Amino acid sequence: MTHTALLGSGVIGVLIFASTIGWLLKLKFAAHAPHAVIDNLNARIKAWWLMVIVIGGALWAGKTGVIVLFVFASFIALREYMSIAPTRRGDHWALLLSFFLVVPFQYFLIWMEWYGFYSIFIPAYAFLVIPMMSAARGEVRNFMLRAATLQWGLMICVYCISHVPALLTLDIAGYKGRNAFLIVFLILVVQSSDVLQYVWGKLFGRIKIAPEVSPSKTLAGFLGGVASATLFGAALWWITPFTPLQAGLISLGITLLGFLGGLVMSAIKRDRGVKDWGTMIEGHGGVLDRLDSVCFSAPIFFHVVRYWWSA
C-alpha cells in the first residue's frame, strides 16, 4: 500500500470511528431531544468530513489546487478578522489594496516559487504601503490603532497562512514529489493537538491556564494534548524527511506554537467582545477559528524545514 493510500485510509478510519461514537452518544443520551455537547460534537465531526474532502481534493489537484484553496482561506480569514476591526472610511483604499492585491499577489509569488520576494513582500512592502494609503485619505482618528490592526491582519491571515502552500516549493534531497505530505503532517499534528487538548481538558481539566482569555484551556488539556499530539507526530515520521526523533521534536514545537497562537487569537476575540471569528464552519466557528493554531506554527515549521532539510 502506498503512503498516500495508507494515510488516507487512516484519516477516513478515524472519521468513521468518530462518527460512530457521535451517533451512539446521540442515540443513547439524546435520541429525541437536543443536547448541546453531543450536537456540537456531531457538528464538528461533520465539518471535519467536509474539510478533509476539500483539503484532499486540493492536494490531489497539485500545487495550483493547494494555492487556490489557501488564497480562498486567507481571503475569508482576513474578512473575518477585519469584520471586528476598528476601521474608518479613510481605510477603504487600504482595505481594497489588501484584499484584491496583497492577498493574490502573495500567493502568485509562491506559485512562482520566488522565495526572495514572497518572504518579504508583506513584512516589508505591504507593511509600509498600507498605512500610507490610509494616511493619504486624511483620517487621523485612531490612526495608529487602525494601521497596526490592518498590518497585523495581513501578517496573520495572509503571510503566516501562505507558508502552508509554500512548503510545496521546498527542494528536499530524496523527497522530490512528496512535499504535499509536509502539509498533511503540519495540519494533522496541529489540528490533532487542538482536538486532544479539548478531550483531555473535558476529561481531566480543573486548573484553567488563562480563564480571562480562553476559559476552555486547562493545564491538563494543554499537557495531555501537546504530549499526545507530539507522539502522534513522531508516529507520522514515515511521511516526512525526518527521523522519528526529529518528527517528535518538530511536533512538540509546532503544537506549542499552535497552543500559544490560539491563546493570542482568543485574546483578540475577547478584546473585541466576540466568541468566534465567524459562522462559516458549523461547530467550529469561522475559518480563522480553525486556522488560528496553523497561523502561528506554519511559518516556523516552513523555515525549520527549509533551513535544515532543503537543498
Protein backbone atom coordinates (compact mmCIF):
# COMPACT_ATOMS: atom_id res chain seq x y z
CA MET A 1 0.00 0.00 0.00
CA THR A 2 1.36 3.45 -0.90
CA HIS A 3 1.91 6.16 1.70
CA THR A 4 -0.98 8.15 0.26
CA ALA A 5 -3.39 5.22 0.45
CA LEU A 6 -2.25 4.26 3.94
CA LEU A 7 -2.55 7.81 5.25
CA GLY A 8 -5.92 8.35 3.56
CA SER A 9 -7.25 5.10 4.98
CA GLY A 10 -6.11 6.12 8.45
CA VAL A 11 -7.80 9.52 8.28
CA ILE A 12 -11.05 8.07 6.90
CA GLY A 13 -10.93 5.35 9.55
CA VAL A 14 -10.62 7.90 12.36
CA LEU A 15 -13.53 9.92 10.96
CA ILE A 16 -15.71 6.81 10.65
CA PHE A 17 -14.86 5.88 14.25
CA ALA A 18 -15.64 9.41 15.47
CA SER A 19 -18.90 9.49 13.50
CA THR A 20 -19.94 6.15 15.02
CA ILE A 21 -19.19 7.36 18.55
CA GLY A 22 -21.16 10.55 17.93
CA TRP A 23 -24.11 8.60 16.54
CA LEU A 24 -24.11 6.18 19.51
CA LEU A 25 -23.94 9.04 22.03
CA LYS A 26 -26.85 10.77 20.33
CA LEU A 27 -28.85 7.55 20.23
CA LYS A 28 -28.22 6.74 23.90
CA PHE A 29 -28.46 10.14 25.59
CA ALA A 30 -30.40 12.47 23.30
CA ALA A 31 -32.29 10.49 20.70
CA HIS A 32 -35.36 12.71 20.71
CA ALA A 33 -34.10 15.97 22.18
CA PRO A 34 -31.30 18.46 21.57
CA HIS A 35 -28.11 18.06 23.58
CA ALA A 36 -25.64 20.94 23.43
CA VAL A 37 -22.42 18.93 23.89
CA ILE A 38 -23.34 15.92 21.76
CA ASP A 39 -24.89 18.02 18.99
CA ASN A 40 -21.80 20.25 18.91
CA LEU A 41 -19.57 17.18 18.74
CA ASN A 42 -21.52 15.76 15.79
CA ALA A 43 -21.50 19.13 14.03
CA ARG A 44 -17.72 19.28 14.43
CA ILE A 45 -17.32 15.74 13.04
CA LYS A 46 -19.48 16.56 10.00
CA ALA A 47 -17.40 19.69 9.41
CA TRP A 48 -14.21 17.62 9.60
CA TRP A 49 -15.57 15.29 6.90
CA LEU A 50 -16.10 18.30 4.65
CA MET A 51 -12.69 19.81 5.44
CA VAL A 52 -10.90 16.52 4.76
CA ILE A 53 -12.67 16.22 1.40
CA VAL A 54 -11.81 19.82 0.45
CA ILE A 55 -8.15 19.57 1.52
CA GLY A 56 -7.81 16.14 -0.09
CA GLY A 57 -9.23 17.46 -3.35
CA ALA A 58 -6.83 20.41 -3.32
CA LEU A 59 -3.84 18.15 -2.69
CA TRP A 60 -4.97 15.83 -5.49
CA ALA A 61 -5.14 18.85 -7.84
CA GLY A 62 -1.48 19.66 -7.14
CA LYS A 63 0.29 22.94 -6.41
CA THR A 64 -2.26 25.12 -8.17
CA GLY A 65 -5.16 23.48 -6.35
CA VAL A 66 -3.48 23.93 -2.96
CA ILE A 67 -2.66 27.58 -3.66
CA VAL A 68 -6.22 28.33 -4.80
CA LEU A 69 -7.56 26.74 -1.60
CA PHE A 70 -5.30 28.85 0.61
CA VAL A 71 -5.99 32.03 -1.35
CA PHE A 72 -9.64 31.47 -0.50
CA ALA A 73 -8.79 30.62 3.13
CA SER A 74 -6.67 33.77 3.54
CA PHE A 75 -9.30 35.97 1.91
CA ILE A 76 -12.08 34.66 4.18
CA ALA A 77 -9.84 34.75 7.28
CA LEU A 78 -8.87 38.37 6.57
CA ARG A 79 -12.53 39.27 6.03
CA GLU A 80 -13.45 37.67 9.37
CA TYR A 81 -10.59 39.49 11.08
CA MET A 82 -11.45 42.88 9.60
CA SER A 83 -15.15 42.46 10.42
CA ILE A 84 -14.34 43.17 14.09
CA ALA A 85 -11.53 45.67 13.44
CA PRO A 86 -11.80 49.41 14.22
CA THR A 87 -11.70 50.78 10.67
CA ARG A 88 -12.94 54.10 9.26
CA ARG A 89 -13.89 55.42 5.84
CA GLY A 90 -10.31 56.57 5.28
CA ASP A 91 -9.15 52.94 5.33
CA HIS A 92 -11.27 51.83 2.35
CA TRP A 93 -8.49 52.10 -0.22
CA ALA A 94 -6.05 50.34 2.08
CA LEU A 95 -8.59 47.55 2.58
CA LEU A 96 -9.22 47.20 -1.15
CA LEU A 97 -5.48 47.01 -1.76
CA SER A 98 -5.10 44.39 0.96
CA PHE A 99 -7.89 42.12 -0.25
CA PHE A 100 -7.53 42.40 -4.00
CA LEU A 101 -3.79 42.98 -4.49
CA VAL A 102 -1.81 41.84 -1.47
CA VAL A 103 -3.65 38.53 -0.99
CA PRO A 104 -3.50 37.26 -4.60
CA PHE A 105 0.00 38.66 -5.23
CA GLN A 106 1.45 36.91 -2.17
CA TYR A 107 0.16 33.58 -3.44
CA PHE A 108 1.19 34.34 -7.02
CA LEU A 109 4.76 34.77 -5.77
CA ILE A 110 4.52 31.40 -4.03
CA TRP A 111 3.16 29.80 -7.19
CA MET A 112 6.22 31.25 -8.99
CA GLU A 113 8.40 29.87 -6.16
CA TRP A 114 10.06 33.28 -5.74
CA TYR A 115 11.21 32.86 -2.14
CA GLY A 116 13.27 36.05 -2.09
CA PHE A 117 10.14 38.11 -2.78
CA TYR A 118 7.27 36.26 -1.06
CA SER A 119 9.27 36.08 2.17
CA ILE A 120 9.46 39.90 2.43
CA PHE A 121 6.55 41.20 0.32
CA ILE A 122 4.10 41.61 3.21
CA PRO A 123 6.53 42.28 6.12
CA ALA A 124 8.37 44.97 4.14
CA TYR A 125 6.43 46.37 1.18
CA ALA A 126 2.81 45.92 2.31
CA PHE A 127 3.80 46.94 5.83
CA LEU A 128 4.95 50.32 4.52
CA VAL A 129 2.42 50.95 1.77
CA ILE A 130 -0.81 50.08 3.61
CA PRO A 131 -0.58 52.85 6.25
CA MET A 132 0.48 55.29 3.51
CA MET A 133 -2.85 54.62 1.77
CA SER A 134 -4.79 55.38 4.94
CA ALA A 135 -2.73 58.46 5.81
CA ALA A 136 -3.26 59.89 2.32
CA ARG A 137 -7.03 59.94 2.96
CA GLY A 138 -6.54 62.35 5.89
CA GLU A 139 -8.34 60.27 8.55
CA VAL A 140 -6.21 60.72 11.69
CA ARG A 141 -8.55 59.49 14.43
CA ASN A 142 -7.18 56.24 15.93
CA PHE A 143 -4.72 56.12 13.03
CA MET A 144 -2.05 54.11 14.88
CA LEU A 145 -4.60 51.54 16.05
CA ARG A 146 -6.18 51.23 12.60
CA ALA A 147 -2.86 50.90 10.76
CA ALA A 148 -1.45 48.36 13.20
CA THR A 149 -4.68 46.35 13.11
CA LEU A 150 -4.60 46.01 9.32
CA GLN A 151 -0.87 45.24 9.27
CA TRP A 152 -1.37 42.58 11.94
CA GLY A 153 -4.28 41.11 9.97
CA LEU A 154 -2.18 40.79 6.81
CA MET A 155 0.63 39.13 8.74
CA ILE A 156 -1.62 36.60 10.47
CA CYS A 157 -4.27 35.89 7.83
CA VAL A 158 -2.14 36.09 4.69
CA TYR A 159 1.60 35.97 5.34
CA CYS A 160 1.54 33.25 8.01
CA ILE A 161 -1.11 31.10 6.33
CA SER A 162 0.68 31.35 2.97
CA HIS A 163 3.59 29.37 4.42
CA VAL A 164 1.43 26.23 4.25
CA PRO A 165 1.36 26.01 0.41
CA ALA A 166 4.92 27.42 0.38
CA LEU A 167 6.01 24.01 1.71
CA LEU A 168 5.42 22.70 -1.82
CA THR A 169 8.25 24.90 -3.12
CA LEU A 170 11.00 23.39 -0.97
CA ASP A 171 13.67 21.29 -2.67
CA ILE A 172 14.46 18.43 -0.28
CA ALA A 173 17.02 15.81 -1.28
CA GLY A 174 15.44 12.38 -1.73
CA TYR A 175 11.95 13.77 -1.16
CA LYS A 176 11.04 15.04 -4.61
CA GLY A 177 7.34 14.95 -5.41
CA ARG A 178 6.32 14.27 -1.80
CA ASN A 179 6.15 17.79 -0.35
CA ALA A 180 2.36 17.57 -0.04
CA PHE A 181 2.97 15.20 2.87
CA LEU A 182 4.61 18.10 4.75
CA ILE A 183 1.31 19.99 4.53
CA VAL A 184 -0.57 16.92 5.71
CA PHE A 185 1.90 16.43 8.57
CA LEU A 186 1.59 20.06 9.72
CA ILE A 187 -2.21 20.12 9.58
CA LEU A 188 -2.68 16.71 11.21
CA VAL A 189 -0.31 17.42 14.09
CA VAL A 190 -1.58 20.93 14.85
CA GLN A 191 -5.26 20.07 14.47
CA SER A 192 -4.93 16.82 16.43
CA SER A 193 -3.35 18.85 19.23
CA ASP A 194 -6.41 21.13 19.29
CA VAL A 195 -8.78 18.16 19.39
CA LEU A 196 -6.77 16.26 22.01
CA GLN A 197 -6.46 19.36 24.21
CA TYR A 198 -10.24 19.62 24.10
CA VAL A 199 -10.66 15.92 25.01
CA TRP A 200 -8.07 15.92 27.81
CA GLY A 201 -9.50 19.15 29.14
CA LYS A 202 -13.05 17.79 29.23
CA LEU A 203 -11.91 14.60 30.97
CA PHE A 204 -9.40 15.91 33.49
CA GLY A 205 -9.32 19.69 33.22
CA ARG A 206 -9.56 21.51 36.53
CA ILE A 207 -6.89 24.20 36.54
CA LYS A 208 -7.50 26.92 33.94
CA ILE A 209 -4.43 28.42 32.30
CA ALA A 210 -5.81 31.83 31.31
CA PRO A 211 -9.51 31.97 32.23
CA GLU A 212 -9.91 35.60 31.17
CA VAL A 213 -8.51 34.85 27.72
CA SER A 214 -9.77 31.34 26.97
CA PRO A 215 -11.88 29.70 29.71
CA SER A 216 -11.77 26.31 27.97
CA LYS A 217 -7.96 25.97 28.07
CA THR A 218 -6.84 23.93 31.08
CA LEU A 219 -3.47 22.69 32.30
CA ALA A 220 -4.49 19.04 31.88
CA GLY A 221 -5.79 19.76 28.39
CA PHE A 222 -2.60 21.56 27.43
CA LEU A 223 -0.21 18.92 28.79
CA GLY A 224 -2.25 15.94 27.60
CA GLY A 225 -2.99 17.41 24.18
CA VAL A 226 0.57 18.53 23.44
CA ALA A 227 2.07 15.24 24.66
CA SER A 228 -0.42 13.13 22.68
CA ALA A 229 -0.01 15.18 19.50
CA THR A 230 3.78 15.04 19.85
CA LEU A 231 3.67 11.25 19.99
CA PHE A 232 1.25 11.23 17.07
CA GLY A 233 3.62 13.43 15.05
CA ALA A 234 6.56 11.16 15.88
CA ALA A 235 4.48 8.20 14.62
CA LEU A 236 3.99 10.04 11.31
CA TRP A 237 7.73 10.30 10.63
CA TRP A 238 7.39 7.91 7.67
CA ILE A 239 5.60 10.54 5.54
CA THR A 240 8.30 13.14 6.23
CA PRO A 241 12.05 13.55 5.58
CA PHE A 242 12.56 13.40 9.39
CA THR A 243 13.63 10.61 11.72
CA PRO A 244 11.13 9.59 14.43
CA LEU A 245 13.02 11.71 17.00
CA GLN A 246 13.14 14.72 14.69
CA ALA A 247 9.44 14.36 13.85
CA GLY A 248 8.64 14.24 17.57
CA LEU A 249 10.70 17.33 18.39
CA ILE A 250 9.22 19.28 15.47
CA SER A 251 5.73 18.17 16.52
CA LEU A 252 6.40 19.41 20.05
CA GLY A 253 7.49 22.77 18.68
CA ILE A 254 4.54 23.31 16.36
CA THR A 255 1.98 22.14 18.93
CA LEU A 256 3.38 24.62 21.48
CA LEU A 257 3.25 27.36 18.85
CA GLY A 258 -0.27 26.33 17.93
CA PHE A 259 -1.41 26.49 21.55
CA LEU A 260 0.16 29.92 22.14
CA GLY A 261 -1.19 31.15 18.81
CA GLY A 262 -4.68 30.05 19.75
CA LEU A 263 -4.28 31.92 23.02
CA VAL A 264 -3.27 35.10 21.17
CA MET A 265 -6.23 34.89 18.81
CA SER A 266 -8.58 34.24 21.74
CA ALA A 267 -7.22 37.37 23.43
CA ILE A 268 -8.11 39.40 20.33
CA LYS A 269 -11.65 37.97 20.29
CA ARG A 270 -12.15 38.69 23.99
CA ASP A 271 -10.89 42.23 23.47
CA ARG A 272 -13.46 42.76 20.70
CA GLY A 273 -16.24 41.01 22.62
CA VAL A 274 -16.88 38.07 20.26
CA LYS A 275 -16.85 34.31 20.83
CA ASP A 276 -15.97 33.16 17.29
CA TRP A 277 -14.44 34.77 14.23
CA GLY A 278 -17.37 33.68 12.09
CA THR A 279 -20.04 31.05 11.43
CA MET A 280 -18.87 29.55 8.14
CA ILE A 281 -17.89 26.15 9.58
CA GLU A 282 -20.63 24.55 11.66
CA GLY A 283 -19.41 23.59 15.10
CA HIS A 284 -16.06 25.33 14.60
CA GLY A 285 -16.95 28.99 14.06
CA GLY A 286 -15.14 30.74 11.24
CA VAL A 287 -12.20 29.84 9.03
CA LEU A 288 -9.87 31.77 11.32
CA ASP A 289 -11.13 29.79 14.32
CA ARG A 290 -9.93 26.64 12.57
CA LEU A 291 -6.65 28.11 11.32
CA ASP A 292 -5.55 30.15 14.35
CA SER A 293 -3.11 27.47 15.51
CA VAL A 294 -1.81 26.92 11.97
CA CYS A 295 -1.16 30.66 11.57
CA PHE A 296 1.49 30.61 14.27
CA SER A 297 3.02 27.21 13.56
CA ALA A 298 3.23 27.28 9.73
CA PRO A 299 5.97 29.94 9.26
CA ILE A 300 8.25 28.38 11.88
CA PHE A 301 7.70 24.88 10.51
CA PHE A 302 8.43 26.13 6.98
CA HIS A 303 11.70 27.83 7.96
CA VAL A 304 12.90 24.94 10.13
CA VAL A 305 12.39 22.53 7.23
CA ARG A 306 13.90 24.96 4.72
CA TYR A 307 16.98 25.63 6.83
CA TRP A 308 17.77 22.06 7.92
CA TRP A 309 16.43 19.88 5.09
CA SER A 310 16.07 21.97 1.93
CA ALA A 311 18.89 21.89 -0.58
